[in-house]
Amino acid sequence: MKKAAAEDTKPQRETTKGDLVYVQAEVVLEFLQRLLAANGVPDGDAAVIAGCLVSADLRGVDTHGAARLPDDLDRVRRGLVNVRPQSR
C-alpha cells in the first residue's frame, strides 16, 4: 500500500534499526523535560537535567543518559530527592 503524499513530506522523528528505535534529540529533550516537570521538578531545573541526560546519550555515554530517568524519578516520587532545595 502506497503512503499518502502528505506522509512522505513529514520530517522523520524516529527510525528503527533492528530492536532499537532512534529518536531525534529535540524530541527526547522535550519528553524528558515534561516528565521531570510532571514529577515536581521546577521547569528551569528540568531543562538543565534533561539537557545533561540527552547530551550524555549523544556522546555515547548511555549509562548517564535518558536511561537513568526511571530510577531518578522513582527516587523523587519516594521523597529521596528534594526537587526544591533551599540553597544559600
Protein backbone atom coordinates (compact mmCIF):
# COMPACT_ATOMS: atom_id res chain seq x y z
CA MET A 1 0.00 0.00 0.00
CA LYS A 2 1.45 3.38 -1.01
CA LYS A 3 1.80 6.16 1.58
CA ALA A 4 -0.17 9.33 1.09
CA ALA A 5 1.81 12.25 -0.33
CA ALA A 6 1.37 14.25 2.89
CA GLU A 7 3.01 11.45 4.91
CA ASP A 8 6.05 11.49 2.63
CA THR A 9 6.74 15.16 3.41
CA LYS A 10 6.61 14.88 7.21
CA PRO A 11 10.00 15.23 8.93
CA GLN A 12 11.13 11.89 10.29
CA ARG A 13 11.25 12.00 14.10
CA GLU A 14 12.35 8.41 14.64
CA THR A 15 13.88 5.48 12.83
CA THR A 16 14.04 1.81 13.67
CA LYS A 17 17.08 -0.44 13.27
CA GLY A 18 16.53 -3.98 14.49
CA ASP A 19 15.25 -3.80 18.06
CA LEU A 20 16.40 -0.20 18.55
CA VAL A 21 14.40 2.96 17.95
CA TYR A 22 16.33 6.17 17.31
CA VAL A 23 14.51 9.41 18.12
CA GLN A 24 15.63 12.97 17.37
CA ALA A 25 17.41 14.56 20.32
CA GLU A 26 14.99 17.51 20.41
CA VAL A 27 12.03 15.15 20.80
CA VAL A 28 13.73 13.26 23.64
CA LEU A 29 14.73 16.54 25.32
CA GLU A 30 11.14 17.81 25.35
CA PHE A 31 9.82 14.45 26.57
CA LEU A 32 12.31 14.30 29.46
CA GLN A 33 11.56 17.90 30.45
CA ARG A 34 7.85 17.14 30.58
CA LEU A 35 8.39 14.00 32.67
CA LEU A 36 10.57 15.86 35.15
CA ALA A 37 8.15 18.79 35.41
CA ALA A 38 5.21 16.38 35.88
CA ASN A 39 7.06 14.99 38.89
CA GLY A 40 7.52 18.35 40.57
CA VAL A 41 10.91 19.43 39.22
CA PRO A 42 10.89 23.19 38.51
CA ASP A 43 10.89 24.00 34.77
CA GLY A 44 14.37 25.55 34.73
CA ASP A 45 15.89 22.61 36.60
CA ALA A 46 14.00 20.15 34.39
CA ALA A 47 15.54 21.81 31.31
CA VAL A 48 19.07 21.54 32.73
CA ILE A 49 18.65 17.91 33.81
CA ALA A 50 17.07 16.87 30.51
CA GLY A 51 19.84 18.65 28.61
CA CYS A 52 22.53 16.78 30.57
CA LEU A 53 20.85 13.42 30.00
CA VAL A 54 20.44 13.97 26.26
CA SER A 55 23.99 15.30 26.00
CA ALA A 56 25.32 12.13 27.63
CA ASP A 57 23.35 9.98 25.18
CA LEU A 58 24.67 11.97 22.22
CA ARG A 59 28.24 11.44 23.46
CA GLY A 60 27.57 7.70 23.66
CA VAL A 61 27.60 7.53 27.46
CA ASP A 62 24.30 5.66 27.71
CA THR A 63 24.82 4.83 31.39
CA HIS A 64 24.39 8.52 32.23
CA GLY A 65 21.70 9.38 29.68
CA ALA A 66 17.94 9.14 29.41
CA ALA A 67 18.01 5.52 30.60
CA ARG A 68 18.68 6.85 34.12
CA LEU A 69 15.43 8.79 34.31
CA PRO A 70 13.11 5.98 35.53
CA ASP A 71 15.34 5.34 38.57
CA ASP A 72 15.81 9.06 39.21
CA LEU A 73 12.05 9.70 39.07
CA ASP A 74 11.45 6.76 41.38
CA ARG A 75 13.73 8.43 43.94
CA VAL A 76 11.87 11.71 43.51
CA ARG A 77 8.49 10.02 44.00
CA ARG A 78 9.72 8.24 47.13
CA GLY A 79 10.92 11.53 48.60
CA LEU A 80 14.59 10.60 48.50
CA VAL A 81 15.43 13.62 46.32
CA ASN A 82 14.41 17.16 47.22
CA VAL A 83 13.41 18.78 43.93
CA ARG A 84 13.03 22.22 45.55
CA PRO A 85 16.06 22.69 47.83
CA GLN A 86 16.58 25.99 49.63
CA SER A 87 20.21 26.62 48.70
CA ARG A 88 22.05 29.53 50.29
